[in-house]
Amino acid sequence: MTFVVKPQPPFKTTQSGQEAGAAAILWIQSMVEPLYHFRRPREVSDFLQTHVYLLPLLVEAHKKVAEYFELPAKPILEVISDPESEGDQQLFLLIPTYHAPQQALFRLDQLDQEWWLDVLPQARGKMTIDVEYL
């Protein structure tokens, strides 16, 4: 019998700051990095360590995105700063696609209506999902 131990999502309420930081790094490396391409990896990793509540959501999002899109490459995670609000950043999950814009946006709307809008409060205004045309 083989046992697979998956790291638990880091929750700062039950761990010291140092323990939570180590747990977040482990979670990012083992559960999130294999699923996504990090654009500016250090920036994405730092953002995720600060917003650990996004980690389980990203794992779930990858499964959902794959249900609506044929992925020619890994989805992309990128931290984007709001130019109108100093210091305000969001994580963008960009879905790479070869679909024509109309079809890609239709699939994105389906994903929004059937899943994303229901879980959006979990993102606390710090994550957006969009398509990126290849």
C-alpha atoms as a PDB file:
ATOM      1  CA  MET A   1       0.000   0.000   0.000  1.00  0.00           C
ATOM      2  CA  THR A   2       1.351   3.437  -0.959  1.00  0.00           C
ATOM      3  CA  PHE A   3       0.562   6.565   0.979  1.00  0.00           C
ATOM      4  CA  VAL A   4       0.720   9.976  -0.607  1.00  0.00           C
ATOM      5  CA  VAL A   5       1.044  12.858   1.796  1.00  0.00           C
ATOM      6  CA  LYS A   6      -0.258  16.125   0.407  1.00  0.00           C
ATOM      7  CA  PRO A   7       0.739  19.302   2.163  1.00  0.00           C
ATOM      8  CA  GLN A   8      -2.100  20.995   3.977  1.00  0.00           C
ATOM      9  CA  PRO A   9      -2.990  24.554   2.972  1.00  0.00           C
ATOM     10  CA  PRO A  10      -1.158  27.005   5.206  1.00  0.00           C
ATOM     11  CA  PHE A  11      -3.414  28.816   7.621  1.00  0.00           C
ATOM     12  CA  LYS A  12      -1.753  31.468   9.722  1.00  0.00           C
ATOM     13  CA  THR A  13      -4.292  31.124  12.525  1.00  0.00           C
ATOM     14  CA  THR A  14      -2.944  27.719  13.595  1.00  0.00           C
ATOM     15  CA  GLN A  15       0.757  28.222  12.946  1.00  0.00           C
ATOM     16  CA  SER A  16       3.468  30.638  13.890  1.00  0.00           C
ATOM     17  CA  GLY A  17       4.452  33.109  11.189  1.00  0.00           C
ATOM     18  CA  GLN A  18       7.597  31.152  10.369  1.00  0.00           C
ATOM     19  CA  GLU A  19       5.721  27.823  10.211  1.00  0.00           C
ATOM     20  CA  ALA A  20       3.000  29.334   8.040  1.00  0.00           C
ATOM     21  CA  GLY A  21       5.617  30.785   5.696  1.00  0.00           C
ATOM     22  CA  ALA A  22       7.342  27.418   5.338  1.00  0.00           C
ATOM     23  CA  ALA A  23       3.988  25.687   4.778  1.00  0.00           C
ATOM     24  CA  ALA A  24       3.063  28.255   2.112  1.00  0.00           C
ATOM     25  CA  ILE A  25       6.351  27.712   0.278  1.00  0.00           C
ATOM     26  CA  LEU A  26       5.860  23.931   0.379  1.00  0.00           C
ATOM     27  CA  TRP A  27       2.282  24.271  -0.868  1.00  0.00           C
ATOM     28  CA  ILE A  28       3.351  26.600  -3.706  1.00  0.00           C
ATOM     29  CA  GLN A  29       6.211  24.335  -4.789  1.00  0.00           C
ATOM     30  CA  SER A  30       4.359  21.035  -4.600  1.00  0.00           C
ATOM     31  CA  MET A  31       0.767  21.919  -5.468  1.00  0.00           C
ATOM     32  CA  VAL A  32       0.717  25.122  -7.536  1.00  0.00           C
ATOM     33  CA  GLU A  33       4.002  25.346  -9.480  1.00  0.00           C
ATOM     34  CA  PRO A  34       3.405  22.021 -11.298  1.00  0.00           C
ATOM     35  CA  LEU A  35       0.077  23.362 -12.627  1.00  0.00           C
ATOM     36  CA  TYR A  36       1.025  26.864 -13.758  1.00  0.00           C
ATOM     37  CA  HIS A  37       3.697  28.877 -15.497  1.00  0.00           C
ATOM     38  CA  PHE A  38       4.748  31.760 -13.221  1.00  0.00           C
ATOM     39  CA  ARG A  39       5.440  34.988 -15.087  1.00  0.00           C
ATOM     40  CA  ARG A  40       8.058  36.766 -12.954  1.00  0.00           C
ATOM     41  CA  PRO A  41       8.257  33.770 -10.587  1.00  0.00           C
ATOM     42  CA  ARG A  42       9.630  35.600  -7.554  1.00  0.00           C
ATOM     43  CA  GLU A  43       6.834  38.173  -7.685  1.00  0.00           C
ATOM     44  CA  VAL A  44       4.139  35.498  -8.053  1.00  0.00           C
ATOM     45  CA  SER A  45       5.611  33.387  -5.251  1.00  0.00           C
ATOM     46  CA  ASP A  46       5.846  36.386  -2.913  1.00  0.00           C
ATOM     47  CA  PHE A  47       2.246  37.351  -3.719  1.00  0.00           C
ATOM     48  CA  LEU A  48       1.024  33.817  -2.999  1.00  0.00           C
ATOM     49  CA  GLN A  49       2.921  33.686   0.300  1.00  0.00           C
ATOM     50  CA  THR A  50       1.115  36.876   1.316  1.00  0.00           C
ATOM     51  CA  HIS A  51      -2.295  35.675   0.078  1.00  0.00           C
ATOM     52  CA  VAL A  52      -2.228  32.006   1.124  1.00  0.00           C
ATOM     53  CA  TYR A  53      -6.021  31.731   0.918  1.00  0.00           C
ATOM     54  CA  LEU A  54      -5.609  31.683  -2.891  1.00  0.00           C
ATOM     55  CA  LEU A  55      -3.588  28.460  -2.908  1.00  0.00           C
ATOM     56  CA  PRO A  56      -6.423  25.891  -2.632  1.00  0.00           C
ATOM     57  CA  LEU A  57      -8.478  28.019  -5.014  1.00  0.00           C
ATOM     58  CA  LEU A  58      -5.701  27.840  -7.623  1.00  0.00           C
ATOM     59  CA  VAL A  59      -5.622  24.050  -7.433  1.00  0.00           C
ATOM     60  CA  GLU A  60      -9.388  23.914  -7.924  1.00  0.00           C
ATOM     61  CA  ALA A  61      -9.244  26.564 -10.668  1.00  0.00           C
ATOM     62  CA  HIS A  62      -6.812  24.489 -12.706  1.00  0.00           C
ATOM     63  CA  LYS A  63      -9.241  21.559 -12.755  1.00  0.00           C
ATOM     64  CA  LYS A  64     -12.146  23.800 -13.718  1.00  0.00           C
ATOM     65  CA  VAL A  65     -10.231  25.628 -16.451  1.00  0.00           C
ATOM     66  CA  ALA A  66      -9.309  22.271 -18.005  1.00  0.00           C
ATOM     67  CA  GLU A  67     -13.016  21.398 -18.184  1.00  0.00           C
ATOM     68  CA  TYR A  68     -13.754  24.432 -20.395  1.00  0.00           C
ATOM     69  CA  PHE A  69     -10.543  24.855 -22.397  1.00  0.00           C
ATOM     70  CA  GLU A  70      -8.157  22.559 -24.219  1.00  0.00           C
ATOM     71  CA  LEU A  71      -4.898  23.804 -22.766  1.00  0.00           C
ATOM     72  CA  PRO A  72      -2.058  24.034 -25.309  1.00  0.00           C
ATOM     73  CA  ALA A  73       0.257  25.117 -22.463  1.00  0.00           C
ATOM     74  CA  LYS A  74       0.119  25.609 -18.704  1.00  0.00           C
ATOM     75  CA  PRO A  75      -2.113  28.447 -17.543  1.00  0.00           C
ATOM     76  CA  ILE A  76      -0.118  31.502 -16.509  1.00  0.00           C
ATOM     77  CA  LEU A  77      -0.022  33.265 -13.156  1.00  0.00           C
ATOM     78  CA  GLU A  78       1.020  36.903 -13.240  1.00  0.00           C
ATOM     79  CA  VAL A  79       0.863  39.646 -10.634  1.00  0.00           C
ATOM     80  CA  ILE A  80      -0.427  42.900 -12.107  1.00  0.00           C
ATOM     81  CA  SER A  81      -0.389  46.245 -10.325  1.00  0.00           C
ATOM     82  CA  ASP A  82      -3.270  48.656 -10.670  1.00  0.00           C
ATOM     83  CA  PRO A  83      -1.746  51.843 -12.135  1.00  0.00           C
ATOM     84  CA  GLU A  84      -4.511  53.962 -10.577  1.00  0.00           C
ATOM     85  CA  SER A  85      -4.072  52.598  -7.049  1.00  0.00           C
ATOM     86  CA  GLU A  86      -0.560  52.562  -5.633  1.00  0.00           C
ATOM     87  CA  GLY A  87       0.344  49.236  -4.088  1.00  0.00           C
ATOM     88  CA  ASP A  88      -2.841  47.454  -5.190  1.00  0.00           C
ATOM     89  CA  GLN A  89      -2.029  44.183  -6.923  1.00  0.00           C
ATOM     90  CA  GLN A  90      -4.015  41.269  -8.283  1.00  0.00           C
ATOM     91  CA  LEU A  91      -3.090  37.794  -9.367  1.00  0.00           C
ATOM     92  CA  PHE A  92      -4.163  37.071 -12.922  1.00  0.00           C
ATOM     93  CA  LEU A  93      -4.778  33.500 -13.987  1.00  0.00           C
ATOM     94  CA  LEU A  94      -4.388  33.675 -17.755  1.00  0.00           C
ATOM     95  CA  ILE A  95      -5.735  30.801 -19.829  1.00  0.00           C
ATOM     96  CA  PRO A  96      -3.668  30.271 -22.991  1.00  0.00           C
ATOM     97  CA  THR A  97      -5.866  29.576 -25.996  1.00  0.00           C
ATOM     98  CA  TYR A  98      -5.814  29.224 -29.758  1.00  0.00           C
ATOM     99  CA  HIS A  99      -9.604  29.595 -29.913  1.00  0.00           C
ATOM    100  CA  ALA A 100     -11.070  32.462 -31.877  1.00  0.00           C
ATOM    101  CA  PRO A 101     -11.868  35.381 -29.543  1.00  0.00           C
ATOM    102  CA  GLN A 102     -15.635  34.824 -29.712  1.00  0.00           C
ATOM    103  CA  GLN A 103     -15.327  31.150 -28.780  1.00  0.00           C
ATOM    104  CA  ALA A 104     -12.705  31.788 -26.081  1.00  0.00           C
ATOM    105  CA  LEU A 105     -14.854  34.474 -24.468  1.00  0.00           C
ATOM    106  CA  PHE A 106     -17.905  32.193 -24.653  1.00  0.00           C
ATOM    107  CA  ARG A 107     -15.978  29.472 -22.787  1.00  0.00           C
ATOM    108  CA  LEU A 108     -14.699  32.009 -20.259  1.00  0.00           C
ATOM    109  CA  ASP A 109     -18.265  33.212 -19.680  1.00  0.00           C
ATOM    110  CA  GLN A 110     -19.383  29.615 -19.118  1.00  0.00           C
ATOM    111  CA  LEU A 111     -16.586  29.123 -16.588  1.00  0.00           C
ATOM    112  CA  ASP A 112     -17.630  32.345 -14.851  1.00  0.00           C
ATOM    113  CA  GLN A 113     -21.323  31.460 -14.706  1.00  0.00           C
ATOM    114  CA  GLU A 114     -20.935  27.802 -13.749  1.00  0.00           C
ATOM    115  CA  TRP A 115     -18.094  28.082 -11.217  1.00  0.00           C
ATOM    116  CA  TRP A 116     -16.031  31.276 -10.795  1.00  0.00           C
ATOM    117  CA  LEU A 117     -18.822  33.617  -9.681  1.00  0.00           C
ATOM    118  CA  ASP A 118     -19.773  31.134  -6.934  1.00  0.00           C
ATOM    119  CA  VAL A 119     -16.242  30.985  -5.513  1.00  0.00           C
ATOM    120  CA  LEU A 120     -15.243  34.580  -6.255  1.00  0.00           C
ATOM    121  CA  PRO A 121     -15.663  35.693  -2.606  1.00  0.00           C
ATOM    122  CA  GLN A 122     -12.876  33.239  -1.667  1.00  0.00           C
ATOM    123  CA  ALA A 123     -10.470  35.290  -3.819  1.00  0.00           C
ATOM    124  CA  ARG A 124     -11.124  38.411  -1.690  1.00  0.00           C
ATOM    125  CA  GLY A 125     -10.699  40.684  -4.690  1.00  0.00           C
ATOM    126  CA  LYS A 126      -7.127  39.489  -5.310  1.00  0.00           C
ATOM    127  CA  MET A 127      -7.561  37.173  -8.296  1.00  0.00           C
ATOM    128  CA  THR A 128      -8.900  37.512 -11.819  1.00  0.00           C
ATOM    129  CA  ILE A 129      -9.305  34.891 -14.541  1.00  0.00           C
ATOM    130  CA  ASP A 130      -8.918  35.863 -18.201  1.00  0.00           C
ATOM    131  CA  VAL A 131      -7.776  34.404 -21.513  1.00  0.00           C
ATOM    132  CA  GLU A 132      -4.509  35.014 -23.323  1.00  0.00           C
ATOM    133  CA  TYR A 133      -4.505  34.468 -27.068  1.00  0.00           C
ATOM    134  CA  LEU A 134      -1.572  32.577 -28.508  1.00  0.00           C
END
